[in-house]
C-alpha cells in the first residue's frame, strides 16, 4: 500500500476536512446575510463544492435554508452534484473492470 491521496484513509480525511470547511463557509455566509455583513463570494462556495465539499454544501443549503432560491447558484450546485455522481460511477465501473 502506497501513501498519498490515493490511499483510502487519506482520501477520506481530505473529504472530511473539505466538507467541514464547506459547511462552516455556508454557515458563516448565512449568518452574515442575516446581519447584512460582508458575504462569501458565490464563486468560493461553488469552488468548495467542486473540490469535494458538495455533500456538505447541499446539506447546508437545505438545513440552513441558504441560497435555495438564488439562481443561478442553486442549479450550479445541483450540476456539480450531478458531475460528482457521474465521476463516482465512472470510477466504480473502472475499478470493477480492472479486477482480475
C-alpha atoms as a PDB file:
ATOM      1  CA  UNK A   1       0.000   0.000   0.000  1.00  0.00           C
ATOM      2  CA  UNK A   2       1.314   3.353  -1.003  1.00  0.00           C
ATOM      3  CA  UNK A   3       0.800   6.638   0.674  1.00  0.00           C
ATOM      4  CA  UNK A   4      -0.728   9.823  -0.643  1.00  0.00           C
ATOM      5  CA  UNK A   5      -4.167  10.973  -1.712  1.00  0.00           C
ATOM      6  CA  UNK A   6      -4.881   7.644  -3.446  1.00  0.00           C
ATOM      7  CA  UNK A   7      -4.888   5.867  -0.094  1.00  0.00           C
ATOM      8  CA  UNK A   8      -8.483   5.411   1.154  1.00  0.00           C
ATOM      9  CA  UNK A   9      -7.734   6.867   4.603  1.00  0.00           C
ATOM     10  CA  UNK A  10      -6.055   9.934   3.090  1.00  0.00           C
ATOM     11  CA  UNK A  11      -8.942  10.431   0.675  1.00  0.00           C
ATOM     12  CA  UNK A  12     -11.465  10.051   3.487  1.00  0.00           C
ATOM     13  CA  UNK A  13      -9.569  12.538   5.630  1.00  0.00           C
ATOM     14  CA  UNK A  14      -9.375  15.002   2.758  1.00  0.00           C
ATOM     15  CA  UNK A  15     -13.113  14.765   2.076  1.00  0.00           C
ATOM     16  CA  UNK A  16     -13.935  15.109   5.774  1.00  0.00           C
ATOM     17  CA  UNK A  17     -11.870  18.299   6.048  1.00  0.00           C
ATOM     18  CA  UNK A  18     -13.197  19.802   2.793  1.00  0.00           C
ATOM     19  CA  UNK A  19     -16.789  19.091   3.821  1.00  0.00           C
ATOM     20  CA  UNK A  20     -16.259  20.593   7.272  1.00  0.00           C
ATOM     21  CA  UNK A  21     -14.758  23.739   5.734  1.00  0.00           C
ATOM     22  CA  UNK A  22     -17.635  23.899   3.230  1.00  0.00           C
ATOM     23  CA  UNK A  23     -20.282  23.600   5.961  1.00  0.00           C
ATOM     24  CA  UNK A  24     -18.599  26.311   8.011  1.00  0.00           C
ATOM     25  CA  UNK A  25     -18.326  28.600   4.966  1.00  0.00           C
ATOM     26  CA  UNK A  26     -22.043  28.222   4.219  1.00  0.00           C
ATOM     27  CA  UNK A  27     -22.962  28.765   7.869  1.00  0.00           C
ATOM     28  CA  UNK A  28     -20.797  31.876   8.077  1.00  0.00           C
ATOM     29  CA  UNK A  29     -22.265  33.243   4.855  1.00  0.00           C
ATOM     30  CA  UNK A  30     -25.808  32.605   6.128  1.00  0.00           C
ATOM     31  CA  UNK A  31     -25.106  34.448   9.372  1.00  0.00           C
ATOM     32  CA  UNK A  32     -23.526  37.333   7.509  1.00  0.00           C
ATOM     33  CA  UNK A  33     -26.522  37.538   5.187  1.00  0.00           C
ATOM     34  CA  UNK A  34     -28.777  37.942   8.225  1.00  0.00           C
ATOM     35  CA  UNK A  35     -26.649  40.774   9.630  1.00  0.00           C
ATOM     36  CA  UNK A  36     -26.032  42.332   6.203  1.00  0.00           C
ATOM     37  CA  UNK A  37     -22.288  41.944   6.706  1.00  0.00           C
ATOM     38  CA  UNK A  38     -19.627  41.188   4.057  1.00  0.00           C
ATOM     39  CA  UNK A  39     -20.529  37.954   2.262  1.00  0.00           C
ATOM     40  CA  UNK A  40     -18.552  34.991   0.970  1.00  0.00           C
ATOM     41  CA  UNK A  41     -18.415  35.158  -2.838  1.00  0.00           C
ATOM     42  CA  UNK A  42     -20.593  32.528  -4.529  1.00  0.00           C
ATOM     43  CA  UNK A  43     -17.601  31.523  -6.638  1.00  0.00           C
ATOM     44  CA  UNK A  44     -15.762  30.483  -3.459  1.00  0.00           C
ATOM     45  CA  UNK A  45     -18.739  28.467  -2.181  1.00  0.00           C
ATOM     46  CA  UNK A  46     -19.062  26.702  -5.536  1.00  0.00           C
ATOM     47  CA  UNK A  47     -15.310  26.022  -5.629  1.00  0.00           C
ATOM     48  CA  UNK A  48     -15.548  24.299  -2.247  1.00  0.00           C
ATOM     49  CA  UNK A  49     -18.346  22.136  -3.659  1.00  0.00           C
ATOM     50  CA  UNK A  50     -16.294  21.282  -6.751  1.00  0.00           C
ATOM     51  CA  UNK A  51     -13.224  20.164  -4.798  1.00  0.00           C
ATOM     52  CA  UNK A  52     -15.220  17.665  -2.759  1.00  0.00           C
ATOM     53  CA  UNK A  53     -17.476  19.628  -0.440  1.00  0.00           C
ATOM     54  CA  UNK A  54     -20.659  19.107  -2.454  1.00  0.00           C
ATOM     55  CA  UNK A  55     -22.397  16.898   0.166  1.00  0.00           C
ATOM     56  CA  UNK A  56     -21.879  19.498   2.905  1.00  0.00           C
ATOM     57  CA  UNK A  57     -22.869  22.312   0.540  1.00  0.00           C
ATOM     58  CA  UNK A  58     -26.142  20.580  -0.316  1.00  0.00           C
ATOM     59  CA  UNK A  59     -26.876  19.759   3.340  1.00  0.00           C
ATOM     60  CA  UNK A  60     -26.100  23.328   4.381  1.00  0.00           C
ATOM     61  CA  UNK A  61     -28.304  24.668   1.602  1.00  0.00           C
ATOM     62  CA  UNK A  62     -31.234  22.606   2.899  1.00  0.00           C
ATOM     63  CA  UNK A  63     -30.700  22.673   6.667  1.00  0.00           C
ATOM     64  CA  UNK A  64     -29.670  26.321   6.899  1.00  0.00           C
ATOM     65  CA  UNK A  65     -32.157  27.338   4.194  1.00  0.00           C
ATOM     66  CA  UNK A  66     -29.381  29.217   2.493  1.00  0.00           C
ATOM     67  CA  UNK A  67     -29.172  30.013  -1.215  1.00  0.00           C
ATOM     68  CA  UNK A  68     -32.191  27.850  -2.016  1.00  0.00           C
ATOM     69  CA  UNK A  69     -33.892  30.402  -4.273  1.00  0.00           C
ATOM     70  CA  UNK A  70     -30.763  32.146  -5.526  1.00  0.00           C
ATOM     71  CA  UNK A  71     -30.298  31.458  -9.240  1.00  0.00           C
ATOM     72  CA  UNK A  72     -28.063  30.518 -10.963  1.00  0.00           C
ATOM     73  CA  UNK A  73     -26.309  29.380  -7.758  1.00  0.00           C
ATOM     74  CA  UNK A  74     -28.857  26.658  -6.917  1.00  0.00           C
ATOM     75  CA  UNK A  75     -28.752  24.983 -10.326  1.00  0.00           C
ATOM     76  CA  UNK A  76     -24.951  25.306 -10.488  1.00  0.00           C
ATOM     77  CA  UNK A  77     -24.693  23.479  -7.157  1.00  0.00           C
ATOM     78  CA  UNK A  78     -27.014  20.755  -8.474  1.00  0.00           C
ATOM     79  CA  UNK A  79     -24.927  20.477 -11.639  1.00  0.00           C
ATOM     80  CA  UNK A  80     -21.797  19.970  -9.513  1.00  0.00           C
ATOM     81  CA  UNK A  81     -23.606  17.144  -7.684  1.00  0.00           C
ATOM     82  CA  UNK A  82     -24.518  15.500 -10.986  1.00  0.00           C
ATOM     83  CA  UNK A  83     -20.894  15.772 -12.135  1.00  0.00           C
ATOM     84  CA  UNK A  84     -19.711  14.165  -8.880  1.00  0.00           C
ATOM     85  CA  UNK A  85     -22.246  11.362  -9.351  1.00  0.00           C
ATOM     86  CA  UNK A  86     -21.025  10.649 -12.880  1.00  0.00           C
ATOM     87  CA  UNK A  87     -17.382  10.779 -11.767  1.00  0.00           C
ATOM     88  CA  UNK A  88     -18.007   8.319  -8.929  1.00  0.00           C
ATOM     89  CA  UNK A  89     -19.940   5.998 -11.245  1.00  0.00           C
ATOM     90  CA  UNK A  90     -17.084   6.112 -13.761  1.00  0.00           C
ATOM     91  CA  UNK A  91     -14.511   5.319 -11.047  1.00  0.00           C
ATOM     92  CA  UNK A  92     -16.620   2.446  -9.695  1.00  0.00           C
ATOM     93  CA  UNK A  93     -17.029   0.922 -13.158  1.00  0.00           C
ATOM     94  CA  UNK A  94     -13.319   1.373 -13.900  1.00  0.00           C
ATOM     95  CA  UNK A  95     -12.425  -0.328 -10.607  1.00  0.00           C
ATOM     96  CA  UNK A  96     -14.736  -3.256 -11.379  1.00  0.00           C
ATOM     97  CA  UNK A  97     -13.332  -3.663 -14.881  1.00  0.00           C
ATOM     98  CA  UNK A  98      -9.751  -3.536 -13.573  1.00  0.00           C
ATOM     99  CA  UNK A  99     -10.321  -6.502 -11.259  1.00  0.00           C
ATOM    100  CA  UNK A 100      -8.729  -9.758 -12.432  1.00  0.00           C
END
